[in-house]
Amino acid sequence: MSSGKKQPAKIGLKVIGRRIRELRGFDLTQAQFGKMLGIPQTTLSKYEKGQAAPPLDFLVRLKAHSGKSIDWIVTGEEKHDGGN
């Protein structure tokens, strides 16, 4: 039986890592992107592989750099004002 409610977004370190990798794009190395965001390449690698959870301060810097919301980075969904 379906209640008509939207299923919650999948949240997991691997999917967050894939979105971080997507934001890095193909033009930047992990070392270059990490330097832009103030973290070592090894730390960025762990985030992208889903081996470590990125802390809030990193997510805020990533949001400022990419223009994507923290909601999107974490859940893959955008929150829209004025809607349910």
PDB file of N, CA and C in Angstrom:
ATOM      1  N   MET A   1       0.843  -1.168   0.000  1.00  0.00           N
ATOM      2  CA  MET A   1       0.000   0.000   0.000  1.00  0.00           C
ATOM      3  C   MET A   1       0.894   1.239   0.000  1.00  0.00           C
ATOM      4  N   SER A   2       0.605   2.161  -0.893  1.00  0.00           N
ATOM      5  CA  SER A   2       1.404   3.369  -1.023  1.00  0.00           C
ATOM      6  C   SER A   2       0.683   4.534  -0.352  1.00  0.00           C
ATOM      7  N   SER A   3       1.409   5.299   0.433  1.00  0.00           N
ATOM      8  CA  SER A   3       0.810   6.444   1.100  1.00  0.00           C
ATOM      9  C   SER A   3       0.916   7.705   0.257  1.00  0.00           C
ATOM     10  N   GLY A   4       1.611   7.624  -0.887  1.00  0.00           N
ATOM     11  CA  GLY A   4       1.769   8.778  -1.738  1.00  0.00           C
ATOM     12  C   GLY A   4       2.874   9.718  -1.292  1.00  0.00           C
ATOM     13  N   LYS A   5       3.523   9.373  -0.212  1.00  0.00           N
ATOM     14  CA  LYS A   5       4.620  10.206   0.278  1.00  0.00           C
ATOM     15  C   LYS A   5       5.903   9.885  -0.473  1.00  0.00           C
ATOM     16  N   LYS A   6       6.698  10.905  -0.634  1.00  0.00           N
ATOM     17  CA  LYS A   6       7.983  10.762  -1.298  1.00  0.00           C
ATOM     18  C   LYS A   6       8.939   9.979  -0.403  1.00  0.00           C
ATOM     19  N   GLN A   7       9.663   9.048  -0.995  1.00  0.00           N
ATOM     20  CA  GLN A   7      10.647   8.274  -0.242  1.00  0.00           C
ATOM     21  C   GLN A   7      11.783   9.185   0.212  1.00  0.00           C
ATOM     22  N   PRO A   8      12.322   8.967   1.409  1.00  0.00           N
ATOM     23  CA  PRO A   8      13.431   9.799   1.854  1.00  0.00           C
ATOM     24  C   PRO A   8      14.652   9.598   0.960  1.00  0.00           C
ATOM     25  N   ALA A   9      15.438  10.650   0.834  1.00  0.00           N
ATOM     26  CA  ALA A   9      16.648  10.586   0.023  1.00  0.00           C
ATOM     27  C   ALA A   9      17.634   9.614   0.653  1.00  0.00           C
ATOM     28  N   LYS A  10      18.379   8.958  -0.206  1.00  0.00           N
ATOM     29  CA  LYS A  10      19.398   8.037   0.295  1.00  0.00           C
ATOM     30  C   LYS A  10      20.593   8.852   0.770  1.00  0.00           C
ATOM     31  N   ILE A  11      20.957   8.638   2.015  1.00  0.00           N
ATOM     32  CA  ILE A  11      22.097   9.333   2.594  1.00  0.00           C
ATOM     33  C   ILE A  11      23.113   8.281   3.003  1.00  0.00           C
ATOM     34  N   GLY A  12      24.295   8.423   2.514  1.00  0.00           N
ATOM     35  CA  GLY A  12      25.373   7.516   2.856  1.00  0.00           C
ATOM     36  C   GLY A  12      26.679   8.137   2.424  1.00  0.00           C
ATOM     37  N   LEU A  13      27.745   7.691   3.046  1.00  0.00           N
ATOM     38  CA  LEU A  13      29.042   8.292   2.754  1.00  0.00           C
ATOM     39  C   LEU A  13      29.455   8.099   1.297  1.00  0.00           C
ATOM     40  N   LYS A  14      29.140   6.945   0.714  1.00  0.00           N
ATOM     41  CA  LYS A  14      29.538   6.708  -0.682  1.00  0.00           C
ATOM     42  C   LYS A  14      28.802   7.631  -1.644  1.00  0.00           C
ATOM     43  N   VAL A  15      27.512   7.855  -1.405  1.00  0.00           N
ATOM     44  CA  VAL A  15      26.777   8.743  -2.304  1.00  0.00           C
ATOM     45  C   VAL A  15      27.176  10.203  -2.108  1.00  0.00           C
ATOM     46  N   ILE A  16      27.478  10.576  -0.887  1.00  0.00           N
ATOM     47  CA  ILE A  16      28.001  11.925  -0.641  1.00  0.00           C
ATOM     48  C   ILE A  16      29.342  12.076  -1.361  1.00  0.00           C
ATOM     49  N   GLY A  17      30.183  11.064  -1.261  1.00  0.00           N
ATOM     50  CA  GLY A  17      31.478  11.083  -1.938  1.00  0.00           C
ATOM     51  C   GLY A  17      31.350  11.229  -3.442  1.00  0.00           C
ATOM     52  N   ARG A  18      30.365  10.552  -4.031  1.00  0.00           N
ATOM     53  CA  ARG A  18      30.152  10.676  -5.484  1.00  0.00           C
ATOM     54  C   ARG A  18      29.752  12.097  -5.863  1.00  0.00           C
ATOM     55  N   ARG A  19      28.939  12.728  -5.017  1.00  0.00           N
ATOM     56  CA  ARG A  19      28.547  14.108  -5.315  1.00  0.00           C
ATOM     57  C   ARG A  19      29.728  15.061  -5.154  1.00  0.00           C
ATOM     58  N   ILE A  20      30.570  14.833  -4.155  1.00  0.00           N
ATOM     59  CA  ILE A  20      31.775  15.658  -4.007  1.00  0.00           C
ATOM     60  C   ILE A  20      32.661  15.496  -5.243  1.00  0.00           C
ATOM     61  N   ARG A  21      32.808  14.251  -5.697  1.00  0.00           N
ATOM     62  CA  ARG A  21      33.614  13.983  -6.900  1.00  0.00           C
ATOM     63  C   ARG A  21      33.013  14.684  -8.110  1.00  0.00           C
ATOM     64  N   GLU A  22      31.702  14.667  -8.215  1.00  0.00           N
ATOM     65  CA  GLU A  22      31.018  15.350  -9.318  1.00  0.00           C
ATOM     66  C   GLU A  22      31.308  16.852  -9.290  1.00  0.00           C
ATOM     67  N   LEU A  23      31.300  17.438  -8.100  1.00  0.00           N
ATOM     68  CA  LEU A  23      31.571  18.871  -7.980  1.00  0.00           C
ATOM     69  C   LEU A  23      33.016  19.213  -8.321  1.00  0.00           C
ATOM     70  N   ARG A  24      33.919  18.292  -8.065  1.00  0.00           N
ATOM     71  CA  ARG A  24      35.334  18.528  -8.407  1.00  0.00           C
ATOM     72  C   ARG A  24      35.512  18.579  -9.910  1.00  0.00           C
ATOM     73  N   GLY A  25      34.742  17.779 -10.619  1.00  0.00           N
ATOM     74  CA  GLY A  25      34.832  17.765 -12.073  1.00  0.00           C
ATOM     75  C   GLY A  25      36.079  17.055 -12.565  1.00  0.00           C
ATOM     76  N   PHE A  26      36.343  17.220 -13.850  1.00  0.00           N
ATOM     77  CA  PHE A  26      37.470  16.533 -14.469  1.00  0.00           C
ATOM     78  C   PHE A  26      38.679  17.433 -14.665  1.00  0.00           C
ATOM     79  N   ASP A  27      38.522  18.725 -14.408  1.00  0.00           N
ATOM     80  CA  ASP A  27      39.616  19.667 -14.655  1.00  0.00           C
ATOM     81  C   ASP A  27      40.564  19.812 -13.468  1.00  0.00           C
ATOM     82  N   LEU A  28      40.144  19.360 -12.294  1.00  0.00           N
ATOM     83  CA  LEU A  28      40.970  19.530 -11.098  1.00  0.00           C
ATOM     84  C   LEU A  28      41.380  18.187 -10.514  1.00  0.00           C
ATOM     85  N   THR A  29      42.621  18.126 -10.051  1.00  0.00           N
ATOM     86  CA  THR A  29      43.055  16.947  -9.309  1.00  0.00           C
ATOM     87  C   THR A  29      42.533  17.056  -7.880  1.00  0.00           C
ATOM     88  N   GLN A  30      42.602  15.954  -7.156  1.00  0.00           N
ATOM     89  CA  GLN A  30      42.222  16.004  -5.745  1.00  0.00           C
ATOM     90  C   GLN A  30      43.105  16.985  -4.993  1.00  0.00           C
ATOM     91  N   ALA A  31      44.382  17.031  -5.316  1.00  0.00           N
ATOM     92  CA  ALA A  31      45.303  17.944  -4.627  1.00  0.00           C
ATOM     93  C   ALA A  31      44.910  19.401  -4.890  1.00  0.00           C
ATOM     94  N   GLN A  32      44.577  19.726  -6.130  1.00  0.00           N
ATOM     95  CA  GLN A  32      44.188  21.097  -6.471  1.00  0.00           C
ATOM     96  C   GLN A  32      42.878  21.483  -5.785  1.00  0.00           C
ATOM     97  N   PHE A  33      41.898  20.591  -5.856  1.00  0.00           N
ATOM     98  CA  PHE A  33      40.595  20.863  -5.264  1.00  0.00           C
ATOM     99  C   PHE A  33      40.713  20.949  -3.742  1.00  0.00           C
ATOM    100  N   GLY A  34      41.481  20.037  -3.160  1.00  0.00           N
ATOM    101  CA  GLY A  34      41.692  20.079  -1.717  1.00  0.00           C
ATOM    102  C   GLY A  34      42.330  21.379  -1.273  1.00  0.00           C
ATOM    103  N   LYS A  35      43.306  21.854  -2.028  1.00  0.00           N
ATOM    104  CA  LYS A  35      43.975  23.109  -1.688  1.00  0.00           C
ATOM    105  C   LYS A  35      42.988  24.272  -1.739  1.00  0.00           C
ATOM    106  N   MET A  36      42.109  24.265  -2.744  1.00  0.00           N
ATOM    107  CA  MET A  36      41.093  25.316  -2.863  1.00  0.00           C
ATOM    108  C   MET A  36      40.151  25.319  -1.662  1.00  0.00           C
ATOM    109  N   LEU A  37      39.887  24.123  -1.117  1.00  0.00           N
ATOM    110  CA  LEU A  37      38.940  23.984  -0.014  1.00  0.00           C
ATOM    111  C   LEU A  37      39.616  23.905   1.354  1.00  0.00           C
ATOM    112  N   GLY A  38      40.932  23.984   1.366  1.00  0.00           N
ATOM    113  CA  GLY A  38      41.661  24.028   2.631  1.00  0.00           C
ATOM    114  C   GLY A  38      41.845  22.688   3.317  1.00  0.00           C
ATOM    115  N   ILE A  39      41.875  21.599   2.528  1.00  0.00           N
ATOM    116  CA  ILE A  39      42.101  20.273   3.113  1.00  0.00           C
ATOM    117  C   ILE A  39      43.165  19.535   2.311  1.00  0.00           C
ATOM    118  N   PRO A  40      43.846  18.565   2.940  1.00  0.00           N
ATOM    119  CA  PRO A  40      44.839  17.774   2.205  1.00  0.00           C
ATOM    120  C   PRO A  40      44.189  16.833   1.183  1.00  0.00           C
ATOM    121  N   GLN A  41      44.932  16.474   0.157  1.00  0.00           N
ATOM    122  CA  GLN A  41      44.453  15.547  -0.872  1.00  0.00           C
ATOM    123  C   GLN A  41      44.003  14.239  -0.257  1.00  0.00           C
ATOM    124  N   THR A  42      44.746  13.741   0.729  1.00  0.00           N
ATOM    125  CA  THR A  42      44.400  12.458   1.343  1.00  0.00           C
ATOM    126  C   THR A  42      43.031  12.500   2.023  1.00  0.00           C
ATOM    127  N   THR A  43      42.703  13.643   2.628  1.00  0.00           N
ATOM    128  CA  THR A  43      41.399  13.805   3.276  1.00  0.00           C
ATOM    129  C   THR A  43      40.293  13.848   2.231  1.00  0.00           C
ATOM    130  N   LEU A  44      40.513  14.605   1.156  1.00  0.00           N
ATOM    131  CA  LEU A  44      39.522  14.671   0.081  1.00  0.00           C
ATOM    132  C   LEU A  44      39.291  13.283  -0.511  1.00  0.00           C
ATOM    133  N   SER A  45      40.360  12.520  -0.684  1.00  0.00           N
ATOM    134  CA  SER A  45      40.238  11.168  -1.207  1.00  0.00           C
ATOM    135  C   SER A  45      39.329  10.319  -0.321  1.00  0.00           C
ATOM    136  N   LYS A  46      39.490  10.423   0.990  1.00  0.00           N
ATOM    137  CA  LYS A  46      38.648   9.663   1.920  1.00  0.00           C
ATOM    138  C   LYS A  46      37.186  10.074   1.809  1.00  0.00           C
ATOM    139  N   TYR A  47      36.920  11.374   1.643  1.00  0.00           N
ATOM    140  CA  TYR A  47      35.544  11.838   1.474  1.00  0.00           C
ATOM    141  C   TYR A  47      34.961  11.282   0.180  1.00  0.00           C
ATOM    142  N   GLU A  48      35.720  11.383  -0.921  1.00  0.00           N
ATOM    143  CA  GLU A  48      35.220  10.931  -2.216  1.00  0.00           C
ATOM    144  C   GLU A  48      34.979   9.422  -2.251  1.00  0.00           C
ATOM    145  N   LYS A  49      35.770   8.662  -1.531  1.00  0.00           N
ATOM    146  CA  LYS A  49      35.609   7.201  -1.498  1.00  0.00           C
ATOM    147  C   LYS A  49      34.562   6.747  -0.483  1.00  0.00           C
ATOM    148  N   GLY A  50      34.047   7.684   0.311  1.00  0.00           N
ATOM    149  CA  GLY A  50      33.069   7.321   1.330  1.00  0.00           C
ATOM    150  C   GLY A  50      33.698   6.656   2.536  1.00  0.00           C
ATOM    151  N   GLN A  51      34.975   6.906   2.760  1.00  0.00           N
ATOM    152  CA  GLN A  51      35.686   6.304   3.891  1.00  0.00           C
ATOM    153  C   GLN A  51      35.658   7.185   5.133  1.00  0.00           C
ATOM    154  N   ALA A  52      35.214   8.434   4.978  1.00  0.00           N
ATOM    155  CA  ALA A  52      35.127   9.366   6.102  1.00  0.00           C
ATOM    156  C   ALA A  52      33.996  10.343   5.814  1.00  0.00           C
ATOM    157  N   ALA A  53      33.363  10.801   6.879  1.00  0.00           N
ATOM    158  CA  ALA A  53      32.284  11.777   6.737  1.00  0.00           C
ATOM    159  C   ALA A  53      32.869  13.186   6.705  1.00  0.00           C
ATOM    160  N   PRO A  54      32.497  13.970   5.699  1.00  0.00           N
ATOM    161  CA  PRO A  54      32.990  15.351   5.668  1.00  0.00           C
ATOM    162  C   PRO A  54      32.330  16.169   6.768  1.00  0.00           C
ATOM    163  N   PRO A  55      33.116  16.949   7.510  1.00  0.00           N
ATOM    164  CA  PRO A  55      32.540  17.763   8.579  1.00  0.00           C
ATOM    165  C   PRO A  55      31.776  18.964   8.011  1.00  0.00           C
ATOM    166  N   LEU A  56      30.960  19.565   8.844  1.00  0.00           N
ATOM    167  CA  LEU A  56      30.117  20.673   8.428  1.00  0.00           C
ATOM    168  C   LEU A  56      30.927  21.833   7.855  1.00  0.00           C
ATOM    169  N   ASP A  57      32.062  22.163   8.457  1.00  0.00           N
ATOM    170  CA  ASP A  57      32.838  23.297   7.941  1.00  0.00           C
ATOM    171  C   ASP A  57      33.308  23.035   6.511  1.00  0.00           C
ATOM    172  N   PHE A  58      33.637  21.795   6.177  1.00  0.00           N
ATOM    173  CA  PHE A  58      34.007  21.454   4.807  1.00  0.00           C
ATOM    174  C   PHE A  58      32.798  21.586   3.886  1.00  0.00           C
ATOM    175  N   LEU A  59      31.636  21.102   4.323  1.00  0.00           N
ATOM    176  CA  LEU A  59      30.427  21.192   3.506  1.00  0.00           C
ATOM    177  C   LEU A  59      30.061  22.647   3.223  1.00  0.00           C
ATOM    178  N   VAL A  60      30.256  23.515   4.197  1.00  0.00           N
ATOM    179  CA  VAL A  60      29.978  24.945   4.004  1.00  0.00           C
ATOM    180  C   VAL A  60      30.933  25.529   2.964  1.00  0.00           C
ATOM    181  N   ARG A  61      32.213  25.175   3.040  1.00  0.00           N
ATOM    182  CA  ARG A  61      33.183  25.657   2.031  1.00  0.00           C
ATOM    183  C   ARG A  61      32.852  25.104   0.654  1.00  0.00           C
ATOM    184  N   LEU A  62      32.454  23.837   0.586  1.00  0.00           N
ATOM    185  CA  LEU A  62      32.097  23.217  -0.687  1.00  0.00           C
ATOM    186  C   LEU A  62      30.858  23.897  -1.275  1.00  0.00           C
ATOM    187  N   LYS A  63      29.897  24.216  -0.437  1.00  0.00           N
ATOM    188  CA  LYS A  63      28.695  24.936  -0.874  1.00  0.00           C
ATOM    189  C   LYS A  63      29.080  26.288  -1.465  1.00  0.00           C
ATOM    190  N   ALA A  64      29.930  27.033  -0.757  1.00  0.00           N
ATOM    191  CA  ALA A  64      30.347  28.351  -1.234  1.00  0.00           C
ATOM    192  C   ALA A  64      31.097  28.249  -2.559  1.00  0.00           C
ATOM    193  N   HIS A  65      31.919  27.231  -2.713  1.00  0.00           N
ATOM    194  CA  HIS A  65      32.706  27.045  -3.934  1.00  0.00           C
ATOM    195  C   HIS A  65      31.828  26.622  -5.113  1.00  0.00           C
ATOM    196  N   SER A  66      30.898  25.711  -4.869  1.00  0.00           N
ATOM    197  CA  SER A  66      30.159  25.085  -5.959  1.00  0.00           C
ATOM    198  C   SER A  66      28.821  25.749  -6.276  1.00  0.00           C
ATOM    199  N   GLY A  67      28.257  26.450  -5.301  1.00  0.00           N
ATOM    200  CA  GLY A  67      26.927  27.007  -5.488  1.00  0.00           C
ATOM    201  C   GLY A  67      25.817  25.993  -5.237  1.00  0.00           C
ATOM    202  N   LYS A  68      26.170  24.756  -4.935  1.00  0.00           N
ATOM    203  CA  LYS A  68      25.188  23.719  -4.616  1.00  0.00           C
ATOM    204  C   LYS A  68      24.854  23.797  -3.127  1.00  0.00           C
ATOM    205  N   SER A  69      23.613  23.455  -2.790  1.00  0.00           N
ATOM    206  CA  SER A  69      23.210  23.500  -1.389  1.00  0.00           C
ATOM    207  C   SER A  69      23.802  22.321  -0.626  1.00  0.00           C
ATOM    208  N   ILE A  70      23.905  22.493   0.678  1.00  0.00           N
ATOM    209  CA  ILE A  70      24.345  21.381   1.527  1.00  0.00           C
ATOM    210  C   ILE A  70      23.323  20.253   1.443  1.00  0.00           C
ATOM    211  N   ASP A  71      22.044  20.595   1.322  1.00  0.00           N
ATOM    212  CA  ASP A  71      21.017  19.559   1.131  1.00  0.00           C
ATOM    213  C   ASP A  71      21.366  18.689  -0.072  1.00  0.00           C
ATOM    214  N   TRP A  72      21.714  19.323  -1.189  1.00  0.00           N
ATOM    215  CA  TRP A  72      22.038  18.550  -2.389  1.00  0.00           C
ATOM    216  C   TRP A  72      23.291  17.706  -2.171  1.00  0.00           C
ATOM    217  N   ILE A  73      24.314  18.275  -1.548  1.00  0.00           N
ATOM    218  CA  ILE A  73      25.560  17.539  -1.322  1.00  0.00           C
ATOM    219  C   ILE A  73      25.287  16.289  -0.477  1.00  0.00           C
ATOM    220  N   VAL A  74      24.451  16.425   0.543  1.00  0.00           N
ATOM    221  CA  VAL A  74      24.201  15.328   1.466  1.00  0.00           C
ATOM    222  C   VAL A  74      23.127  14.362   0.961  1.00  0.00           C
ATOM    223  N   THR A  75      22.038  14.895   0.384  1.00  0.00           N
ATOM    224  CA  THR A  75      20.923  14.025   0.024  1.00  0.00           C
ATOM    225  C   THR A  75      20.704  13.848  -1.477  1.00  0.00           C
ATOM    226  N   GLY A  76      21.267  14.758  -2.264  1.00  0.00           N
ATOM    227  CA  GLY A  76      21.026  14.721  -3.706  1.00  0.00           C
ATOM    228  C   GLY A  76      19.757  15.452  -4.100  1.00  0.00           C
ATOM    229  N   GLU A  77      19.066  16.024  -3.128  1.00  0.00           N
ATOM    230  CA  GLU A  77      17.819  16.751  -3.389  1.00  0.00           C
ATOM    231  C   GLU A  77      17.995  18.217  -3.056  1.00  0.00           C
ATOM    232  N   GLU A  78      17.347  19.049  -3.849  1.00  0.00           N
ATOM    233  CA  GLU A  78      17.330  20.488  -3.578  1.00  0.00           C
ATOM    234  C   GLU A  78      16.079  20.809  -2.784  1.00  0.00           C
ATOM    235  N   LYS A  79      16.212  21.663  -1.803  1.00  0.00           N
ATOM    236  CA  LYS A  79      15.052  22.164  -1.066  1.00  0.00           C
ATOM    237  C   LYS A  79      14.618  23.448  -1.743  1.00  0.00           C
ATOM    238  N   HIS A  80      13.318  23.584  -1.923  1.00  0.00           N
ATOM    239  CA  HIS A  80      12.778  24.771  -2.569  1.00  0.00           C
ATOM    240  C   HIS A  80      11.904  25.525  -1.591  1.00  0.00           C
ATOM    241  N   ASP A  81      12.090  26.838  -1.520  1.00  0.00           N
ATOM    242  CA  ASP A  81      11.277  27.678  -0.631  1.00  0.00           C
ATOM    243  C   ASP A  81       9.851  27.741  -1.148  1.00  0.00           C
ATOM    244  N   GLY A  82       8.896  27.801  -0.230  1.00  0.00           N
ATOM    245  CA  GLY A  82       7.512  27.988  -0.583  1.00  0.00           C
ATOM    246  C   GLY A  82       6.776  26.714  -0.975  1.00  0.00           C
ATOM    247  N   GLY A  83       7.433  25.581  -0.931  1.00  0.00           N
ATOM    248  CA  GLY A  83       6.770  24.331  -1.313  1.00  0.00           C
ATOM    249  C   GLY A  83       6.792  23.333  -0.195  1.00  0.00           C
ATOM    250  N   ASN A  84       6.095  22.238  -0.383  1.00  0.00           N
ATOM    251  CA  ASN A  84       6.101  21.167   0.622  1.00  0.00           C
ATOM    252  C   ASN A  84       7.136  20.153   0.281  1.00  0.00           C
TER     253      ASN A  84
END
